[in-house]
Amino acid sequence: MRTEQRVQPQPRMRTEQRTVRPYFQARPQQRAELRVAWQRHRARSWQSEHRTWRQRGGYGGYRVPTVRFRRYFGRSHRFRIYNLPVAVRGGYPRFECEGYWFSLVDPWPEYWPDDWYERDTVYIESYEDGYYLEDLNRPGIRIGINISLD
């Protein structure tokens, strides 16, 4: 006598269908989409459009534990966005580094070159009011970023 086994359907997980690749490996169409997203968030007047996290009412994103932050981020841990996985979410460019996703919430200065995110060496810094992206070629400019795990 044969017993029939019923297989329970597994719940479907919603996952992103496309593979996120380092910027330099992106297909031409993906690179064009990324370039548009970066350019869309360029300031017309950075001095008037830039806001600190304190001016925004505080940072509300994910906080990296202090020990982990010191190990992987800060001025001594520099990188180029060009080498990292980059995607567009909600019209904003974002990149993945050390298991975290970083989204720019500030526009970048209008006087920076069009391709700074492809060429410049940057790092993530933490200040008492939130997280910022800083560019070694352009000291003194802090671009507000949000951190998430997905």
N, C-alpha and C. Protein backbone atom coordinates (compact mmCIF):
# COMPACT_ATOMS: atom_id res chain seq x y z
N MET A 1 0.83 -1.17 0.00
CA MET A 1 0.00 0.00 0.00
C MET A 1 0.88 1.24 0.00
N ARG A 2 0.62 2.06 -0.89
CA ARG A 2 1.41 3.27 -1.07
C ARG A 2 0.77 4.44 -0.34
N THR A 3 1.56 5.17 0.44
CA THR A 3 1.02 6.34 1.13
C THR A 3 1.38 7.58 0.34
N GLU A 4 0.43 8.43 0.28
CA GLU A 4 0.63 9.66 -0.48
C GLU A 4 1.15 10.74 0.45
N GLN A 5 2.21 11.38 0.05
CA GLN A 5 2.74 12.47 0.85
C GLN A 5 2.34 13.79 0.21
N ARG A 6 1.84 14.64 1.03
CA ARG A 6 1.49 15.98 0.56
C ARG A 6 2.62 16.94 0.89
N VAL A 7 2.99 17.68 -0.09
CA VAL A 7 4.03 18.68 0.12
C VAL A 7 3.35 20.02 0.34
N GLN A 8 3.66 20.61 1.46
CA GLN A 8 3.09 21.91 1.79
C GLN A 8 3.78 22.99 0.95
N PRO A 9 3.00 23.85 0.33
CA PRO A 9 3.64 24.93 -0.45
C PRO A 9 4.41 25.85 0.49
N GLN A 10 5.56 26.27 0.03
CA GLN A 10 6.39 27.19 0.79
C GLN A 10 5.94 28.62 0.51
N PRO A 11 5.95 29.46 1.52
CA PRO A 11 5.58 30.86 1.26
C PRO A 11 6.58 31.50 0.32
N ARG A 12 6.09 32.32 -0.53
CA ARG A 12 6.97 33.01 -1.47
C ARG A 12 7.65 34.18 -0.79
N MET A 13 8.91 34.24 -0.98
CA MET A 13 9.68 35.34 -0.43
C MET A 13 9.81 36.41 -1.51
N ARG A 14 9.61 37.63 -1.13
CA ARG A 14 9.79 38.71 -2.09
C ARG A 14 11.26 39.09 -2.09
N THR A 15 11.89 38.89 -3.19
CA THR A 15 13.30 39.24 -3.31
C THR A 15 13.50 40.12 -4.52
N GLU A 16 14.57 40.84 -4.52
CA GLU A 16 14.90 41.67 -5.66
C GLU A 16 15.38 40.75 -6.78
N GLN A 17 14.80 40.88 -7.95
CA GLN A 17 15.10 39.99 -9.05
C GLN A 17 16.46 40.25 -9.69
N ARG A 18 16.86 41.49 -9.72
CA ARG A 18 18.11 41.77 -10.41
C ARG A 18 19.29 41.64 -9.46
N THR A 19 20.39 41.24 -10.01
CA THR A 19 21.61 41.11 -9.24
C THR A 19 22.24 42.48 -9.11
N VAL A 20 22.65 42.81 -7.90
CA VAL A 20 23.33 44.08 -7.68
C VAL A 20 24.82 43.81 -7.84
N ARG A 21 25.43 44.50 -8.76
CA ARG A 21 26.85 44.31 -9.07
C ARG A 21 27.62 45.57 -8.71
N PRO A 22 28.94 45.42 -8.57
CA PRO A 22 29.74 46.63 -8.41
C PRO A 22 29.47 47.58 -9.58
N TYR A 23 29.55 48.86 -9.32
CA TYR A 23 29.23 49.87 -10.31
C TYR A 23 29.98 49.62 -11.63
N PHE A 24 31.27 49.33 -11.53
CA PHE A 24 32.07 49.18 -12.75
C PHE A 24 31.66 47.96 -13.57
N GLN A 25 30.92 47.00 -12.98
CA GLN A 25 30.47 45.82 -13.72
C GLN A 25 29.03 45.94 -14.22
N ALA A 26 28.38 47.04 -13.92
CA ALA A 26 26.99 47.22 -14.32
C ALA A 26 26.87 47.27 -15.85
N ARG A 27 25.76 46.77 -16.34
CA ARG A 27 25.49 46.84 -17.79
C ARG A 27 25.29 48.29 -18.18
N PRO A 28 25.48 48.62 -19.46
CA PRO A 28 25.33 50.02 -19.89
C PRO A 28 23.99 50.64 -19.49
N GLN A 29 22.90 49.89 -19.59
CA GLN A 29 21.59 50.43 -19.23
C GLN A 29 21.51 50.72 -17.72
N GLN A 30 22.08 49.84 -16.91
CA GLN A 30 22.11 50.07 -15.46
C GLN A 30 22.97 51.27 -15.12
N ARG A 31 24.10 51.40 -15.80
CA ARG A 31 24.99 52.54 -15.53
C ARG A 31 24.29 53.84 -15.90
N ALA A 32 23.53 53.83 -16.99
CA ALA A 32 22.79 55.03 -17.39
C ALA A 32 21.75 55.38 -16.33
N GLU A 33 21.04 54.38 -15.80
CA GLU A 33 20.05 54.61 -14.74
C GLU A 33 20.72 55.16 -13.49
N LEU A 34 21.87 54.62 -13.13
CA LEU A 34 22.60 55.11 -11.96
C LEU A 34 23.09 56.53 -12.17
N ARG A 35 23.60 56.81 -13.36
CA ARG A 35 24.10 58.16 -13.66
C ARG A 35 22.98 59.20 -13.54
N VAL A 36 21.79 58.85 -14.06
CA VAL A 36 20.63 59.75 -13.95
C VAL A 36 20.28 59.98 -12.48
N ALA A 37 20.27 58.90 -11.69
CA ALA A 37 19.95 59.04 -10.26
C ALA A 37 20.96 59.92 -9.54
N TRP A 38 22.25 59.74 -9.81
CA TRP A 38 23.27 60.59 -9.18
C TRP A 38 23.08 62.04 -9.60
N GLN A 39 22.88 62.29 -10.89
CA GLN A 39 22.75 63.66 -11.38
C GLN A 39 21.49 64.34 -10.85
N ARG A 40 20.44 63.58 -10.66
CA ARG A 40 19.18 64.12 -10.14
C ARG A 40 19.35 64.69 -8.73
N HIS A 41 20.35 64.20 -8.02
CA HIS A 41 20.56 64.63 -6.63
C HIS A 41 21.77 65.54 -6.47
N ARG A 42 22.05 66.25 -7.53
CA ARG A 42 23.10 67.27 -7.49
C ARG A 42 22.45 68.58 -7.04
N ALA A 43 23.10 69.30 -6.17
CA ALA A 43 22.55 70.58 -5.69
C ALA A 43 22.65 71.66 -6.76
N ARG A 44 21.74 72.58 -6.69
CA ARG A 44 21.85 73.80 -7.50
C ARG A 44 22.67 74.83 -6.72
N SER A 45 22.45 74.81 -5.40
CA SER A 45 23.21 75.67 -4.49
C SER A 45 23.39 74.88 -3.18
N TRP A 46 24.53 74.21 -3.07
CA TRP A 46 24.75 73.33 -1.93
C TRP A 46 24.66 74.08 -0.61
N GLN A 47 25.15 75.30 -0.58
CA GLN A 47 25.11 76.08 0.66
C GLN A 47 23.69 76.24 1.19
N SER A 48 22.71 76.39 0.31
CA SER A 48 21.34 76.58 0.78
C SER A 48 20.55 75.26 0.87
N GLU A 49 20.96 74.22 0.14
CA GLU A 49 20.22 72.96 0.13
C GLU A 49 20.72 71.93 1.16
N HIS A 50 21.97 72.06 1.57
CA HIS A 50 22.56 71.12 2.52
C HIS A 50 21.95 71.30 3.91
N ARG A 51 21.69 70.19 4.59
CA ARG A 51 21.17 70.22 5.96
C ARG A 51 21.93 69.22 6.81
N THR A 52 22.17 69.56 8.05
CA THR A 52 22.76 68.58 8.98
C THR A 52 21.62 67.71 9.50
N TRP A 53 21.99 66.61 10.14
CA TRP A 53 20.94 65.76 10.73
C TRP A 53 20.21 66.50 11.83
N ARG A 54 20.91 67.34 12.54
CA ARG A 54 20.26 68.12 13.60
C ARG A 54 19.20 69.05 13.01
N GLN A 55 19.50 69.68 11.86
CA GLN A 55 18.54 70.56 11.19
C GLN A 55 17.34 69.78 10.66
N ARG A 56 17.54 68.50 10.36
CA ARG A 56 16.44 67.65 9.86
C ARG A 56 15.58 67.09 10.99
N GLY A 57 15.98 67.29 12.21
CA GLY A 57 15.23 66.75 13.33
C GLY A 57 15.83 65.48 13.90
N GLY A 58 17.04 65.13 13.47
CA GLY A 58 17.74 63.97 14.01
C GLY A 58 17.83 62.83 13.02
N TYR A 59 18.76 61.95 13.29
CA TYR A 59 18.99 60.79 12.45
C TYR A 59 18.06 59.67 12.91
N GLY A 60 17.34 59.05 11.96
CA GLY A 60 16.39 58.00 12.32
C GLY A 60 16.70 56.66 11.67
N GLY A 61 17.86 56.53 11.04
CA GLY A 61 18.20 55.27 10.37
C GLY A 61 18.88 54.29 11.29
N TYR A 62 19.42 53.23 10.71
CA TYR A 62 20.11 52.19 11.46
C TYR A 62 21.40 52.76 12.04
N ARG A 63 21.71 52.36 13.24
CA ARG A 63 22.96 52.77 13.87
C ARG A 63 23.92 51.59 13.91
N VAL A 64 25.10 51.78 13.38
CA VAL A 64 26.13 50.73 13.40
C VAL A 64 26.73 50.69 14.80
N PRO A 65 26.81 49.51 15.41
CA PRO A 65 27.45 49.42 16.74
C PRO A 65 28.85 50.05 16.71
N THR A 66 29.19 50.76 17.76
CA THR A 66 30.44 51.53 17.81
C THR A 66 31.67 50.69 17.49
N VAL A 67 31.79 49.51 18.07
CA VAL A 67 32.97 48.66 17.83
C VAL A 67 33.06 48.29 16.35
N ARG A 68 31.94 47.93 15.75
CA ARG A 68 31.92 47.56 14.33
C ARG A 68 32.22 48.78 13.45
N PHE A 69 31.67 49.93 13.83
CA PHE A 69 31.93 51.14 13.06
C PHE A 69 33.42 51.44 13.04
N ARG A 70 34.06 51.39 14.20
CA ARG A 70 35.50 51.68 14.27
C ARG A 70 36.32 50.69 13.45
N ARG A 71 35.86 49.45 13.37
CA ARG A 71 36.58 48.42 12.64
C ARG A 71 36.49 48.60 11.12
N TYR A 72 35.34 49.07 10.63
CA TYR A 72 35.10 49.09 9.19
C TYR A 72 34.91 50.47 8.56
N PHE A 73 34.73 51.50 9.36
CA PHE A 73 34.42 52.81 8.81
C PHE A 73 35.29 53.87 9.46
N GLY A 74 35.08 55.11 9.06
CA GLY A 74 35.89 56.21 9.56
C GLY A 74 36.97 56.58 8.54
N ARG A 75 37.69 57.62 8.82
CA ARG A 75 38.69 58.16 7.88
C ARG A 75 39.75 57.15 7.47
N SER A 76 40.09 56.22 8.34
CA SER A 76 41.14 55.25 8.00
C SER A 76 40.63 54.10 7.12
N HIS A 77 39.32 54.05 6.85
CA HIS A 77 38.72 53.00 6.02
C HIS A 77 38.11 53.63 4.78
N ARG A 78 38.95 53.89 3.81
CA ARG A 78 38.55 54.59 2.60
C ARG A 78 38.17 53.61 1.49
N PHE A 79 37.35 54.08 0.58
CA PHE A 79 36.92 53.24 -0.54
C PHE A 79 36.48 54.12 -1.69
N ARG A 80 36.24 53.47 -2.82
CA ARG A 80 35.66 54.15 -3.98
C ARG A 80 34.31 53.52 -4.25
N ILE A 81 33.30 54.34 -4.40
CA ILE A 81 31.95 53.85 -4.68
C ILE A 81 31.95 53.02 -5.95
N TYR A 82 32.81 53.37 -6.88
CA TYR A 82 32.93 52.69 -8.17
C TYR A 82 33.14 51.17 -8.00
N ASN A 83 33.80 50.76 -6.93
CA ASN A 83 34.11 49.35 -6.69
C ASN A 83 33.03 48.61 -5.91
N LEU A 84 31.99 49.28 -5.49
CA LEU A 84 30.97 48.68 -4.62
C LEU A 84 29.68 48.41 -5.37
N PRO A 85 28.86 47.49 -4.85
CA PRO A 85 27.52 47.31 -5.43
C PRO A 85 26.72 48.60 -5.26
N VAL A 86 26.10 49.04 -6.32
CA VAL A 86 25.32 50.28 -6.33
C VAL A 86 23.96 49.98 -6.93
N ALA A 87 22.91 50.60 -6.39
CA ALA A 87 21.56 50.42 -6.89
C ALA A 87 20.81 51.73 -6.73
N VAL A 88 19.62 51.78 -7.29
CA VAL A 88 18.74 52.94 -7.13
C VAL A 88 17.50 52.44 -6.40
N ARG A 89 17.15 53.10 -5.32
CA ARG A 89 15.92 52.75 -4.59
C ARG A 89 15.17 54.04 -4.30
N GLY A 90 13.92 54.07 -4.75
CA GLY A 90 13.11 55.27 -4.56
C GLY A 90 13.69 56.48 -5.26
N GLY A 91 14.43 56.25 -6.34
CA GLY A 91 15.03 57.35 -7.08
C GLY A 91 16.35 57.83 -6.53
N TYR A 92 16.79 57.27 -5.40
CA TYR A 92 18.04 57.68 -4.77
C TYR A 92 19.13 56.65 -5.02
N PRO A 93 20.34 57.11 -5.34
CA PRO A 93 21.45 56.17 -5.47
C PRO A 93 21.87 55.67 -4.09
N ARG A 94 22.26 54.40 -4.03
CA ARG A 94 22.74 53.84 -2.78
C ARG A 94 23.82 52.82 -3.08
N PHE A 95 24.69 52.58 -2.13
CA PHE A 95 25.78 51.63 -2.32
C PHE A 95 25.91 50.76 -1.08
N GLU A 96 26.47 49.56 -1.30
CA GLU A 96 26.62 48.58 -0.21
C GLU A 96 28.08 48.48 0.18
N CYS A 97 28.34 48.54 1.48
CA CYS A 97 29.70 48.44 2.00
C CYS A 97 29.66 47.74 3.35
N GLU A 98 30.42 46.66 3.49
CA GLU A 98 30.52 45.91 4.74
C GLU A 98 29.16 45.44 5.26
N GLY A 99 28.26 45.09 4.36
CA GLY A 99 26.96 44.55 4.76
C GLY A 99 25.89 45.59 5.02
N TYR A 100 26.20 46.86 4.86
CA TYR A 100 25.24 47.94 5.08
C TYR A 100 24.98 48.66 3.77
N TRP A 101 23.78 49.18 3.62
CA TRP A 101 23.43 50.02 2.46
C TRP A 101 23.45 51.47 2.89
N PHE A 102 24.07 52.31 2.10
CA PHE A 102 24.19 53.74 2.37
C PHE A 102 23.47 54.52 1.28
N SER A 103 22.52 55.36 1.68
CA SER A 103 21.76 56.20 0.75
C SER A 103 22.08 57.65 1.05
N LEU A 104 22.37 58.41 0.00
CA LEU A 104 22.60 59.83 0.18
C LEU A 104 21.26 60.52 0.41
N VAL A 105 21.18 61.35 1.44
CA VAL A 105 19.97 62.12 1.67
C VAL A 105 20.21 63.60 1.38
N ASP A 106 21.46 63.99 1.34
CA ASP A 106 21.85 65.34 0.98
C ASP A 106 22.15 65.36 -0.51
N PRO A 107 21.92 66.49 -1.16
CA PRO A 107 22.43 66.61 -2.53
C PRO A 107 23.95 66.78 -2.44
N TRP A 108 24.63 66.48 -3.52
CA TRP A 108 26.07 66.72 -3.54
C TRP A 108 26.33 68.06 -4.21
N PRO A 109 27.42 68.73 -3.81
CA PRO A 109 27.67 70.10 -4.29
C PRO A 109 27.72 70.22 -5.81
N GLU A 110 27.13 71.29 -6.29
CA GLU A 110 27.04 71.55 -7.73
C GLU A 110 28.41 71.77 -8.37
N TYR A 111 29.40 72.16 -7.58
CA TYR A 111 30.72 72.44 -8.13
C TYR A 111 31.63 71.21 -8.15
N TRP A 112 31.14 70.06 -7.67
CA TRP A 112 31.90 68.83 -7.79
C TRP A 112 31.81 68.32 -9.23
N PRO A 113 32.81 67.56 -9.69
CA PRO A 113 32.74 67.01 -11.05
C PRO A 113 31.59 66.03 -11.20
N ASP A 114 31.08 65.90 -12.41
CA ASP A 114 29.95 65.01 -12.70
C ASP A 114 30.18 63.56 -12.29
N ASP A 115 31.43 63.14 -12.29
CA ASP A 115 31.73 61.73 -12.04
C ASP A 115 32.50 61.49 -10.74
N TRP A 116 32.34 62.36 -9.76
CA TRP A 116 33.07 62.21 -8.50
C TRP A 116 32.84 60.83 -7.88
N TYR A 117 31.65 60.29 -7.96
CA TYR A 117 31.31 59.01 -7.34
C TYR A 117 31.96 57.83 -8.06
N GLU A 118 32.49 58.08 -9.26
CA GLU A 118 33.24 57.04 -9.98
C GLU A 118 34.74 57.13 -9.68
N ARG A 119 35.24 58.30 -9.35
CA ARG A 119 36.68 58.52 -9.27
C ARG A 119 37.23 58.79 -7.87
N ASP A 120 36.45 59.42 -7.01
CA ASP A 120 36.99 59.90 -5.74
C ASP A 120 37.02 58.83 -4.65
N THR A 121 37.97 59.01 -3.75
CA THR A 121 38.09 58.16 -2.57
C THR A 121 37.29 58.82 -1.45
N VAL A 122 36.41 58.04 -0.85
CA VAL A 122 35.50 58.56 0.17
C VAL A 122 35.57 57.70 1.43
N TYR A 123 34.92 58.16 2.48
CA TYR A 123 34.79 57.37 3.70
C TYR A 123 33.52 57.80 4.43
N ILE A 124 33.09 56.95 5.34
CA ILE A 124 31.88 57.21 6.14
C ILE A 124 32.34 57.68 7.52
N GLU A 125 31.75 58.77 7.98
CA GLU A 125 32.10 59.29 9.30
C GLU A 125 30.83 59.43 10.14
N SER A 126 31.00 59.25 11.42
CA SER A 126 29.90 59.40 12.38
C SER A 126 30.15 60.62 13.23
N TYR A 127 29.15 61.45 13.34
CA TYR A 127 29.21 62.59 14.24
C TYR A 127 28.05 62.44 15.21
N GLU A 128 28.01 63.25 16.23
CA GLU A 128 26.98 63.07 17.26
C GLU A 128 25.56 63.12 16.71
N ASP A 129 25.37 63.76 15.58
CA ASP A 129 24.01 63.89 15.07
C ASP A 129 23.68 62.94 13.92
N GLY A 130 24.60 62.08 13.48
CA GLY A 130 24.29 61.15 12.40
C GLY A 130 25.51 60.76 11.59
N TYR A 131 25.28 60.21 10.41
CA TYR A 131 26.35 59.71 9.55
C TYR A 131 26.49 60.57 8.29
N TYR A 132 27.74 60.65 7.83
CA TYR A 132 28.03 61.46 6.67
C TYR A 132 29.05 60.77 5.77
N LEU A 133 28.95 61.06 4.47
CA LEU A 133 29.94 60.64 3.49
C LEU A 133 30.89 61.81 3.31
N GLU A 134 32.19 61.54 3.37
CA GLU A 134 33.19 62.58 3.16
C GLU A 134 34.12 62.15 2.04
N ASP A 135 34.57 63.12 1.28
CA ASP A 135 35.43 62.90 0.12
C ASP A 135 36.82 63.43 0.44
N LEU A 136 37.83 62.58 0.28
CA LEU A 136 39.21 63.01 0.57
C LEU A 136 39.66 64.17 -0.31
N ASN A 137 39.14 64.25 -1.53
CA ASN A 137 39.53 65.32 -2.45
C ASN A 137 38.85 66.64 -2.13
N ARG A 138 37.81 66.60 -1.33
CA ARG A 138 37.03 67.80 -1.03
C ARG A 138 36.76 67.89 0.47
N PRO A 139 37.80 68.18 1.24
CA PRO A 139 37.65 68.21 2.71
C PRO A 139 36.68 69.29 3.17
N GLY A 140 36.03 69.00 4.29
CA GLY A 140 35.12 69.97 4.88
C GLY A 140 33.68 69.86 4.41
N ILE A 141 33.41 69.01 3.42
CA ILE A 141 32.05 68.83 2.91
C ILE A 141 31.52 67.51 3.45
N ARG A 142 30.41 67.56 4.14
CA ARG A 142 29.77 66.35 4.67
C ARG A 142 28.42 66.18 4.01
N ILE A 143 28.24 65.01 3.39
CA ILE A 143 26.97 64.70 2.74
C ILE A 143 26.21 63.73 3.63
N GLY A 144 25.03 64.12 4.08
CA GLY A 144 24.22 63.27 4.96
C GLY A 144 23.85 61.96 4.28
N ILE A 145 24.01 60.86 5.00
CA ILE A 145 23.65 59.55 4.47
C ILE A 145 22.80 58.81 5.49
N ASN A 146 21.99 57.91 4.99
CA ASN A 146 21.16 57.03 5.82
C ASN A 146 21.71 55.62 5.66
N ILE A 147 21.72 54.85 6.75
CA ILE A 147 22.21 53.49 6.73
C ILE A 147 21.05 52.53 6.93
N SER A 148 21.04 51.45 6.14
CA SER A 148 20.03 50.40 6.31
C SER A 148 20.69 49.05 6.09
N LEU A 149 19.97 48.00 6.46
CA LEU A 149 20.50 46.65 6.28
C LEU A 149 20.03 46.00 4.99
N ASP A 150 19.09 46.63 4.28
CA ASP A 150 18.62 46.07 3.01
C ASP A 150 18.58 47.10 1.92
